[in-house]
């Protein structure tokens, strides 16, 4: 899994078809989409996620009414077991992508997590030796817990695609 796609509850099949259609328009041929155990969440594996995110963003800007079921597209840099040491280890490695003068924020979306948000935030903040900015961070440490496994990402805010925000910006 290198992308998480969200949709409204019950519309996962339509979001999946819509996402696959846009991916094919972008020229990407290898798209694997699985419905997760959680409502409104699809786990996606594509061959070039950054290029697809860029294409998807431009597609929504030019054709805002053609994307109706996909709500967000979130990159995933690494998938680990939901164990604190594995999560913080992945964050430590990925945090090398946060420059010395850059700031970060931690965003957690937990589904069936054995940890509280506070436990996760404290452990992750200890693993990243940079300044925190909740309002305008240069990078976001995005943690998505899916029960036994966790998606970990360190991305810039514009790499998290919110279809609603893109449509509003038009």
N, C-alpha and C. Protein backbone atom coordinates (compact mmCIF):
# COMPACT_ATOMS: atom_id res chain seq x y z
N UNK A 1 0.85 -1.18 0.00
CA UNK A 1 0.00 0.00 0.00
C UNK A 1 0.90 1.24 0.00
N UNK A 2 0.69 2.10 -1.01
CA UNK A 2 1.42 3.36 -1.00
C UNK A 2 0.51 4.58 -1.09
N UNK A 3 -0.80 4.33 -1.13
CA UNK A 3 -1.79 5.40 -1.04
C UNK A 3 -2.99 4.91 -0.23
N UNK A 4 -3.59 5.84 0.50
CA UNK A 4 -4.87 5.57 1.15
C UNK A 4 -5.88 6.51 0.49
N UNK A 5 -6.99 5.95 0.04
CA UNK A 5 -8.04 6.74 -0.59
C UNK A 5 -9.26 6.66 0.31
N UNK A 6 -9.86 7.82 0.61
CA UNK A 6 -11.05 7.80 1.45
C UNK A 6 -12.28 8.20 0.63
N UNK A 7 -13.42 7.70 1.08
CA UNK A 7 -14.70 8.00 0.45
C UNK A 7 -15.75 8.05 1.55
N UNK A 8 -16.94 8.41 1.18
CA UNK A 8 -18.04 8.36 2.14
C UNK A 8 -18.36 6.89 2.42
N UNK A 9 -18.86 6.63 3.61
CA UNK A 9 -19.23 5.27 4.00
C UNK A 9 -20.25 4.72 3.01
N UNK A 10 -20.00 3.51 2.54
CA UNK A 10 -20.93 2.87 1.61
C UNK A 10 -20.65 3.17 0.15
N UNK A 11 -19.76 4.11 -0.13
CA UNK A 11 -19.46 4.48 -1.52
C UNK A 11 -18.05 4.04 -1.94
N UNK A 12 -17.51 3.06 -1.22
CA UNK A 12 -16.15 2.60 -1.51
C UNK A 12 -16.02 2.04 -2.93
N UNK A 13 -17.00 1.27 -3.39
CA UNK A 13 -16.93 0.66 -4.72
C UNK A 13 -16.91 1.74 -5.80
N UNK A 14 -17.73 2.75 -5.64
CA UNK A 14 -17.77 3.84 -6.62
C UNK A 14 -16.47 4.65 -6.59
N UNK A 15 -15.96 4.89 -5.38
CA UNK A 15 -14.69 5.63 -5.25
C UNK A 15 -13.56 4.83 -5.88
N UNK A 16 -13.58 3.52 -5.70
CA UNK A 16 -12.56 2.65 -6.28
C UNK A 16 -12.58 2.73 -7.80
N UNK A 17 -13.76 2.64 -8.39
CA UNK A 17 -13.89 2.71 -9.85
C UNK A 17 -13.45 4.09 -10.36
N UNK A 18 -13.84 5.12 -9.65
CA UNK A 18 -13.48 6.49 -10.03
C UNK A 18 -11.97 6.70 -9.96
N UNK A 19 -11.36 6.21 -8.88
CA UNK A 19 -9.92 6.35 -8.72
C UNK A 19 -9.18 5.61 -9.83
N UNK A 20 -9.62 4.39 -10.11
CA UNK A 20 -8.97 3.59 -11.15
C UNK A 20 -9.09 4.27 -12.51
N UNK A 21 -10.24 4.88 -12.78
CA UNK A 21 -10.44 5.58 -14.05
C UNK A 21 -9.46 6.74 -14.20
N UNK A 22 -9.29 7.53 -13.15
CA UNK A 22 -8.36 8.67 -13.20
C UNK A 22 -6.93 8.15 -13.33
N UNK A 23 -6.59 7.08 -12.62
CA UNK A 23 -5.25 6.51 -12.71
C UNK A 23 -4.96 6.05 -14.14
N UNK A 24 -5.92 5.42 -14.79
CA UNK A 24 -5.73 4.98 -16.17
C UNK A 24 -5.57 6.16 -17.11
N UNK A 25 -6.34 7.23 -16.88
CA UNK A 25 -6.19 8.46 -17.68
C UNK A 25 -4.79 9.05 -17.54
N UNK A 26 -4.19 8.86 -16.37
CA UNK A 26 -2.85 9.41 -16.13
C UNK A 26 -1.77 8.58 -16.82
N UNK A 27 -2.14 7.41 -17.32
CA UNK A 27 -1.17 6.55 -17.99
C UNK A 27 -0.66 5.43 -17.10
N UNK A 28 -1.07 5.40 -15.86
CA UNK A 28 -0.64 4.33 -14.95
C UNK A 28 -1.49 3.09 -15.23
N UNK A 29 -0.82 1.97 -15.42
CA UNK A 29 -1.52 0.73 -15.75
C UNK A 29 -1.62 -0.24 -14.59
N UNK A 30 -0.69 -0.18 -13.66
CA UNK A 30 -0.72 -1.10 -12.52
C UNK A 30 -1.37 -0.41 -11.33
N UNK A 31 -2.61 -0.77 -11.06
CA UNK A 31 -3.34 -0.20 -9.94
C UNK A 31 -3.98 -1.35 -9.17
N UNK A 32 -3.64 -1.47 -7.90
CA UNK A 32 -4.24 -2.49 -7.06
C UNK A 32 -5.02 -1.78 -5.95
N UNK A 33 -6.31 -2.02 -5.88
CA UNK A 33 -7.15 -1.36 -4.89
C UNK A 33 -7.85 -2.43 -4.06
N UNK A 34 -7.70 -2.31 -2.75
CA UNK A 34 -8.39 -3.22 -1.84
C UNK A 34 -9.22 -2.40 -0.86
N UNK A 35 -10.40 -2.88 -0.60
CA UNK A 35 -11.22 -2.23 0.41
C UNK A 35 -10.68 -2.66 1.77
N UNK A 36 -10.45 -1.69 2.64
CA UNK A 36 -9.92 -2.04 3.96
C UNK A 36 -11.05 -2.55 4.84
N UNK A 37 -10.72 -2.96 6.02
CA UNK A 37 -11.72 -3.44 6.97
C UNK A 37 -12.52 -2.28 7.57
N UNK A 38 -12.17 -1.06 7.19
CA UNK A 38 -12.79 0.13 7.78
C UNK A 38 -13.61 0.87 6.73
N UNK A 39 -14.79 1.31 7.13
CA UNK A 39 -15.69 2.00 6.21
C UNK A 39 -15.03 3.24 5.62
N UNK A 40 -15.20 3.42 4.32
CA UNK A 40 -14.72 4.62 3.66
C UNK A 40 -13.23 4.67 3.41
N UNK A 41 -12.53 3.53 3.54
CA UNK A 41 -11.08 3.53 3.36
C UNK A 41 -10.67 2.45 2.36
N UNK A 42 -9.91 2.89 1.34
CA UNK A 42 -9.36 1.98 0.35
C UNK A 42 -7.85 1.99 0.45
N UNK A 43 -7.25 0.81 0.32
CA UNK A 43 -5.79 0.70 0.33
C UNK A 43 -5.35 0.49 -1.11
N UNK A 44 -4.47 1.36 -1.58
CA UNK A 44 -4.10 1.39 -2.99
C UNK A 44 -2.59 1.20 -3.16
N UNK A 45 -2.23 0.46 -4.18
CA UNK A 45 -0.82 0.31 -4.57
C UNK A 45 -0.75 0.69 -6.05
N UNK A 46 0.06 1.70 -6.36
CA UNK A 46 0.27 2.13 -7.75
C UNK A 46 1.76 2.23 -8.01
N UNK A 47 2.12 2.23 -9.30
CA UNK A 47 3.54 2.20 -9.65
C UNK A 47 4.25 3.53 -9.43
N UNK A 48 3.58 4.66 -9.55
CA UNK A 48 4.23 5.95 -9.36
C UNK A 48 3.29 6.89 -8.61
N UNK A 49 3.21 6.76 -7.28
CA UNK A 49 2.21 7.52 -6.53
C UNK A 49 2.37 9.04 -6.63
N UNK A 50 3.60 9.56 -6.66
CA UNK A 50 3.79 11.01 -6.74
C UNK A 50 3.25 11.57 -8.05
N UNK A 51 3.55 10.90 -9.15
CA UNK A 51 3.05 11.35 -10.45
C UNK A 51 1.53 11.28 -10.50
N UNK A 52 0.97 10.22 -9.92
CA UNK A 52 -0.48 10.08 -9.92
C UNK A 52 -1.13 11.17 -9.08
N UNK A 53 -0.55 11.49 -7.92
CA UNK A 53 -1.11 12.56 -7.08
C UNK A 53 -1.10 13.88 -7.83
N UNK A 54 -0.03 14.16 -8.52
CA UNK A 54 0.08 15.39 -9.29
C UNK A 54 -0.98 15.43 -10.39
N UNK A 55 -1.11 14.31 -11.12
CA UNK A 55 -2.12 14.24 -12.19
C UNK A 55 -3.52 14.38 -11.61
N UNK A 56 -3.78 13.69 -10.50
CA UNK A 56 -5.10 13.70 -9.87
C UNK A 56 -5.48 15.13 -9.48
N UNK A 57 -4.53 15.84 -8.91
CA UNK A 57 -4.74 17.23 -8.50
C UNK A 57 -5.11 18.10 -9.70
N UNK A 58 -4.36 17.99 -10.79
CA UNK A 58 -4.64 18.78 -11.99
C UNK A 58 -5.99 18.37 -12.59
N UNK A 59 -6.29 17.07 -12.57
CA UNK A 59 -7.55 16.57 -13.11
C UNK A 59 -8.73 17.18 -12.36
N UNK A 60 -8.65 17.21 -11.03
CA UNK A 60 -9.74 17.77 -10.23
C UNK A 60 -9.89 19.27 -10.50
N UNK A 61 -8.77 19.96 -10.66
CA UNK A 61 -8.84 21.40 -10.96
C UNK A 61 -9.51 21.66 -12.31
N UNK A 62 -9.21 20.82 -13.31
CA UNK A 62 -9.76 21.05 -14.64
C UNK A 62 -11.15 20.44 -14.82
N UNK A 63 -11.43 19.36 -14.11
CA UNK A 63 -12.73 18.67 -14.23
C UNK A 63 -13.32 18.42 -12.83
N UNK A 64 -13.66 19.49 -12.09
CA UNK A 64 -14.07 19.30 -10.69
C UNK A 64 -15.32 18.44 -10.48
N UNK A 65 -16.18 18.35 -11.48
CA UNK A 65 -17.42 17.61 -11.28
C UNK A 65 -17.30 16.15 -11.70
N UNK A 66 -16.14 15.75 -12.22
CA UNK A 66 -15.95 14.36 -12.61
C UNK A 66 -15.49 13.49 -11.46
N UNK A 67 -15.02 14.10 -10.38
CA UNK A 67 -14.60 13.34 -9.19
C UNK A 67 -15.65 13.58 -8.12
N UNK A 68 -16.47 12.55 -7.86
CA UNK A 68 -17.58 12.71 -6.93
C UNK A 68 -17.48 11.82 -5.70
N UNK A 69 -16.73 10.73 -5.78
CA UNK A 69 -16.74 9.76 -4.69
C UNK A 69 -15.43 9.71 -3.90
N UNK A 70 -14.33 10.02 -4.54
CA UNK A 70 -13.04 10.06 -3.83
C UNK A 70 -13.01 11.35 -3.02
N UNK A 71 -12.70 11.22 -1.72
CA UNK A 71 -12.66 12.42 -0.87
C UNK A 71 -11.23 12.89 -0.62
N UNK A 72 -10.33 11.94 -0.31
CA UNK A 72 -8.92 12.28 -0.06
C UNK A 72 -8.02 11.19 -0.62
N UNK A 73 -6.80 11.60 -0.98
CA UNK A 73 -5.77 10.65 -1.39
C UNK A 73 -4.53 11.01 -0.57
N UNK A 74 -4.06 10.03 0.21
CA UNK A 74 -2.97 10.28 1.15
C UNK A 74 -1.82 9.32 0.84
N UNK A 75 -0.62 9.86 0.60
CA UNK A 75 0.52 8.98 0.35
C UNK A 75 0.95 8.23 1.61
N UNK A 76 1.46 7.02 1.42
CA UNK A 76 2.00 6.23 2.51
C UNK A 76 3.43 5.85 2.14
N UNK A 77 4.41 6.30 2.94
CA UNK A 77 5.81 6.00 2.66
C UNK A 77 6.23 4.62 3.14
N UNK A 78 5.65 4.18 4.24
CA UNK A 78 6.07 2.91 4.82
C UNK A 78 4.89 2.29 5.57
N UNK A 79 4.80 0.96 5.54
CA UNK A 79 3.79 0.23 6.31
C UNK A 79 4.53 -0.64 7.32
N UNK A 80 4.16 -0.50 8.60
CA UNK A 80 4.81 -1.25 9.67
C UNK A 80 3.75 -1.89 10.56
N UNK A 81 4.19 -2.83 11.40
CA UNK A 81 3.29 -3.39 12.41
C UNK A 81 2.95 -2.29 13.41
N UNK A 82 1.77 -2.37 14.00
CA UNK A 82 1.36 -1.37 14.98
C UNK A 82 2.02 -1.66 16.32
N UNK A 83 3.31 -1.38 16.35
CA UNK A 83 4.10 -1.49 17.58
C UNK A 83 4.82 -0.16 17.69
N UNK A 84 4.83 0.41 18.88
CA UNK A 84 5.38 1.75 19.06
C UNK A 84 6.80 1.86 18.51
N UNK A 85 7.65 0.84 18.80
CA UNK A 85 9.05 0.93 18.35
C UNK A 85 9.15 0.89 16.82
N UNK A 86 8.25 0.17 16.15
CA UNK A 86 8.28 0.13 14.68
C UNK A 86 7.79 1.44 14.09
N UNK A 87 6.75 2.01 14.69
CA UNK A 87 6.22 3.29 14.21
C UNK A 87 7.28 4.38 14.37
N UNK A 88 7.85 4.48 15.58
CA UNK A 88 8.85 5.54 15.82
C UNK A 88 10.12 5.29 15.01
N UNK A 89 10.48 4.04 14.76
CA UNK A 89 11.63 3.73 13.93
C UNK A 89 11.43 4.22 12.50
N UNK A 90 10.23 3.96 11.96
CA UNK A 90 9.91 4.41 10.60
C UNK A 90 9.90 5.94 10.54
N UNK A 91 9.32 6.57 11.56
CA UNK A 91 9.28 8.03 11.60
C UNK A 91 10.70 8.59 11.66
N UNK A 92 11.56 8.00 12.48
CA UNK A 92 12.95 8.47 12.59
C UNK A 92 13.64 8.44 11.23
N UNK A 93 13.47 7.34 10.49
CA UNK A 93 14.10 7.22 9.18
C UNK A 93 13.53 8.24 8.20
N UNK A 94 12.21 8.35 8.17
CA UNK A 94 11.56 9.25 7.22
C UNK A 94 11.76 10.72 7.58
N UNK A 95 12.01 11.00 8.86
CA UNK A 95 12.19 12.39 9.31
C UNK A 95 13.44 13.02 8.73
N UNK A 96 14.31 12.21 8.14
CA UNK A 96 15.48 12.77 7.45
C UNK A 96 15.04 13.68 6.30
N UNK A 97 13.80 13.49 5.84
CA UNK A 97 13.24 14.34 4.79
C UNK A 97 12.76 15.69 5.28
N UNK A 98 12.85 15.94 6.57
CA UNK A 98 12.48 17.24 7.13
C UNK A 98 13.78 18.02 7.30
N UNK A 99 13.92 19.08 6.54
CA UNK A 99 15.15 19.86 6.56
C UNK A 99 15.42 20.53 7.90
N UNK A 100 16.68 20.93 8.14
CA UNK A 100 17.06 21.53 9.43
C UNK A 100 16.24 22.77 9.81
N UNK A 101 15.84 23.57 8.84
CA UNK A 101 15.08 24.77 9.15
C UNK A 101 13.58 24.59 9.01
N UNK A 102 13.15 23.37 8.72
CA UNK A 102 11.72 23.13 8.48
C UNK A 102 10.98 22.76 9.77
N UNK A 103 9.66 22.97 9.73
CA UNK A 103 8.80 22.63 10.86
C UNK A 103 7.92 21.44 10.48
N UNK A 104 7.32 20.82 11.49
CA UNK A 104 6.45 19.68 11.21
C UNK A 104 5.26 19.67 12.16
N UNK A 105 4.27 18.88 11.76
CA UNK A 105 3.08 18.63 12.58
C UNK A 105 2.82 17.13 12.51
N UNK A 106 2.22 16.61 13.55
CA UNK A 106 1.85 15.19 13.58
C UNK A 106 0.34 15.09 13.40
N UNK A 107 -0.09 14.27 12.45
CA UNK A 107 -1.51 14.01 12.24
C UNK A 107 -1.72 12.51 12.40
N UNK A 108 -2.70 12.16 13.22
CA UNK A 108 -2.97 10.74 13.49
C UNK A 108 -4.40 10.42 13.12
N UNK A 109 -4.58 9.36 12.34
CA UNK A 109 -5.91 8.81 12.08
C UNK A 109 -5.85 7.36 12.55
N UNK A 110 -6.44 7.11 13.70
CA UNK A 110 -6.33 5.79 14.31
C UNK A 110 -7.65 5.04 14.22
N UNK A 111 -7.54 3.83 13.71
CA UNK A 111 -8.68 2.91 13.65
C UNK A 111 -8.23 1.65 14.40
N UNK A 112 -8.88 1.34 15.49
CA UNK A 112 -8.50 0.18 16.32
C UNK A 112 -7.06 0.26 16.81
N UNK A 113 -6.71 1.38 17.40
CA UNK A 113 -5.34 1.58 17.88
C UNK A 113 -5.18 1.12 19.32
N UNK A 114 -4.06 0.44 19.63
CA UNK A 114 -3.80 0.08 21.02
C UNK A 114 -3.24 1.27 21.82
N UNK A 115 -2.96 2.37 21.12
CA UNK A 115 -2.36 3.54 21.77
C UNK A 115 -3.30 4.74 21.72
N UNK A 116 -3.17 5.62 22.69
CA UNK A 116 -3.92 6.87 22.65
C UNK A 116 -3.16 7.82 21.72
N UNK A 117 -3.85 8.84 21.23
CA UNK A 117 -3.18 9.84 20.40
C UNK A 117 -2.04 10.49 21.16
N UNK A 118 -2.23 10.75 22.45
CA UNK A 118 -1.19 11.39 23.26
C UNK A 118 0.06 10.52 23.32
N UNK A 119 -0.10 9.21 23.52
CA UNK A 119 1.06 8.30 23.56
C UNK A 119 1.82 8.36 22.24
N UNK A 120 1.08 8.32 21.14
CA UNK A 120 1.70 8.36 19.82
C UNK A 120 2.42 9.69 19.59
N UNK A 121 1.75 10.78 19.89
CA UNK A 121 2.33 12.11 19.66
C UNK A 121 3.61 12.28 20.48
N UNK A 122 3.58 11.89 21.74
CA UNK A 122 4.77 12.03 22.59
C UNK A 122 5.94 11.22 22.03
N UNK A 123 5.69 9.97 21.64
CA UNK A 123 6.76 9.11 21.13
C UNK A 123 7.30 9.61 19.79
N UNK A 124 6.40 10.05 18.92
CA UNK A 124 6.82 10.53 17.60
C UNK A 124 7.56 11.85 17.71
N UNK A 125 7.08 12.75 18.56
CA UNK A 125 7.75 14.05 18.74
C UNK A 125 9.18 13.84 19.24
N UNK A 126 9.38 12.84 20.09
CA UNK A 126 10.73 12.53 20.57
C UNK A 126 11.64 12.02 19.44
N UNK A 127 11.03 11.39 18.42
CA UNK A 127 11.80 10.81 17.33
C UNK A 127 12.16 11.84 16.25
N UNK A 128 11.54 13.03 16.29
CA UNK A 128 11.79 14.06 15.28
C UNK A 128 12.40 15.28 15.95
N UNK A 129 13.62 15.58 15.58
CA UNK A 129 14.34 16.69 16.21
C UNK A 129 14.19 17.97 15.38
N UNK A 130 12.95 18.45 15.27
CA UNK A 130 12.66 19.67 14.53
C UNK A 130 11.60 20.46 15.29
N UNK A 131 11.43 21.72 14.90
CA UNK A 131 10.41 22.56 15.53
C UNK A 131 9.02 22.15 15.05
N UNK A 132 8.05 22.33 15.94
CA UNK A 132 6.66 22.00 15.63
C UNK A 132 5.94 23.27 15.20
N UNK A 133 5.08 23.14 14.18
CA UNK A 133 4.18 24.22 13.77
C UNK A 133 2.84 23.58 13.46
N UNK A 134 1.86 23.87 14.28
CA UNK A 134 0.55 23.26 14.07
C UNK A 134 -0.22 23.93 12.94
N UNK A 135 0.04 25.23 12.70
CA UNK A 135 -0.73 25.97 11.70
C UNK A 135 -0.16 25.88 10.28
N UNK A 136 1.15 26.13 10.15
CA UNK A 136 1.77 26.13 8.82
C UNK A 136 3.05 25.29 8.81
N UNK A 137 2.91 23.97 8.95
CA UNK A 137 4.12 23.14 8.95
C UNK A 137 4.67 22.97 7.54
N UNK A 138 5.98 22.77 7.44
CA UNK A 138 6.59 22.44 6.15
C UNK A 138 6.31 20.98 5.81
N UNK A 139 6.25 20.12 6.83
CA UNK A 139 6.01 18.69 6.62
C UNK A 139 4.96 18.21 7.63
N UNK A 140 4.29 17.13 7.25
CA UNK A 140 3.33 16.48 8.14
C UNK A 140 3.78 15.04 8.34
N UNK A 141 3.91 14.65 9.60
CA UNK A 141 4.15 13.25 9.93
C UNK A 141 2.75 12.65 10.08
N UNK A 142 2.35 11.86 9.09
CA UNK A 142 0.98 11.35 9.02
C UNK A 142 1.00 9.88 9.41
N UNK A 143 0.28 9.57 10.48
CA UNK A 143 0.20 8.20 11.00
C UNK A 143 -1.23 7.71 10.82
N UNK A 144 -1.37 6.59 10.10
CA UNK A 144 -2.69 6.00 9.91
C UNK A 144 -2.66 4.58 10.44
N UNK A 145 -3.37 4.38 11.53
CA UNK A 145 -3.38 3.05 12.15
C UNK A 145 -4.61 2.28 11.69
N UNK A 146 -4.35 1.06 11.22
CA UNK A 146 -5.38 0.15 10.77
C UNK A 146 -5.30 -1.12 11.60
N UNK A 147 -5.54 -1.01 12.90
CA UNK A 147 -5.47 -2.20 13.75
C UNK A 147 -4.05 -2.72 13.87
N UNK A 148 -3.75 -3.84 13.21
CA UNK A 148 -2.46 -4.50 13.36
C UNK A 148 -1.32 -3.88 12.56
N UNK A 149 -1.64 -3.04 11.58
CA UNK A 149 -0.58 -2.40 10.80
C UNK A 149 -0.84 -0.90 10.69
N UNK A 150 0.23 -0.17 10.38
CA UNK A 150 0.19 1.29 10.40
C UNK A 150 0.90 1.85 9.17
N UNK A 151 0.27 2.84 8.54
CA UNK A 151 0.89 3.57 7.44
C UNK A 151 1.58 4.80 8.01
N UNK A 152 2.85 4.99 7.65
CA UNK A 152 3.62 6.12 8.14
C UNK A 152 4.06 6.96 6.94
N UNK A 153 3.84 8.26 7.01
CA UNK A 153 4.24 9.16 5.93
C UNK A 153 4.86 10.41 6.50
N UNK A 154 5.84 10.95 5.79
CA UNK A 154 6.34 12.29 6.07
C UNK A 154 6.22 13.02 4.74
N UNK A 155 5.25 13.93 4.66
CA UNK A 155 4.91 14.58 3.40
C UNK A 155 4.71 16.07 3.61
N UNK A 156 4.81 16.82 2.52
CA UNK A 156 4.47 18.23 2.60
C UNK A 156 2.94 18.34 2.56
N UNK A 157 2.37 19.41 3.13
CA UNK A 157 0.90 19.52 3.19
C UNK A 157 0.21 19.40 1.83
N UNK A 158 0.85 19.88 0.76
CA UNK A 158 0.20 19.82 -0.55
C UNK A 158 0.23 18.43 -1.18
N UNK A 159 0.93 17.47 -0.56
CA UNK A 159 0.93 16.10 -1.07
C UNK A 159 -0.28 15.30 -0.58
N UNK A 160 -0.99 15.84 0.41
CA UNK A 160 -2.22 15.20 0.88
C UNK A 160 -3.35 15.83 0.10
N UNK A 161 -3.96 15.03 -0.74
CA UNK A 161 -4.95 15.55 -1.67
C UNK A 161 -6.34 15.51 -1.06
N UNK A 162 -6.91 16.69 -0.82
CA UNK A 162 -8.28 16.80 -0.36
C UNK A 162 -9.11 17.30 -1.54
N UNK A 163 -9.97 16.46 -2.06
CA UNK A 163 -10.75 16.81 -3.24
C UNK A 163 -11.65 18.01 -2.95
N UNK A 164 -12.25 18.05 -1.76
CA UNK A 164 -13.13 19.16 -1.38
C UNK A 164 -12.37 20.48 -1.39
N UNK A 165 -11.17 20.51 -0.82
CA UNK A 165 -10.39 21.74 -0.81
C UNK A 165 -10.00 22.17 -2.22
N UNK A 166 -9.64 21.20 -3.06
CA UNK A 166 -9.29 21.52 -4.44
C UNK A 166 -10.48 22.12 -5.19
N UNK A 167 -11.64 21.56 -4.97
CA UNK A 167 -12.84 22.07 -5.65
C UNK A 167 -13.18 23.48 -5.16
N UNK A 168 -13.01 23.73 -3.86
CA UNK A 168 -13.29 25.05 -3.31
C UNK A 168 -12.33 26.10 -3.85
N UNK A 169 -11.08 25.68 -4.11
CA UNK A 169 -10.07 26.61 -4.58
C UNK A 169 -10.34 27.08 -6.02
N UNK A 170 -11.14 26.32 -6.74
CA UNK A 170 -11.46 26.69 -8.16
C UNK A 170 -12.41 27.84 -8.24
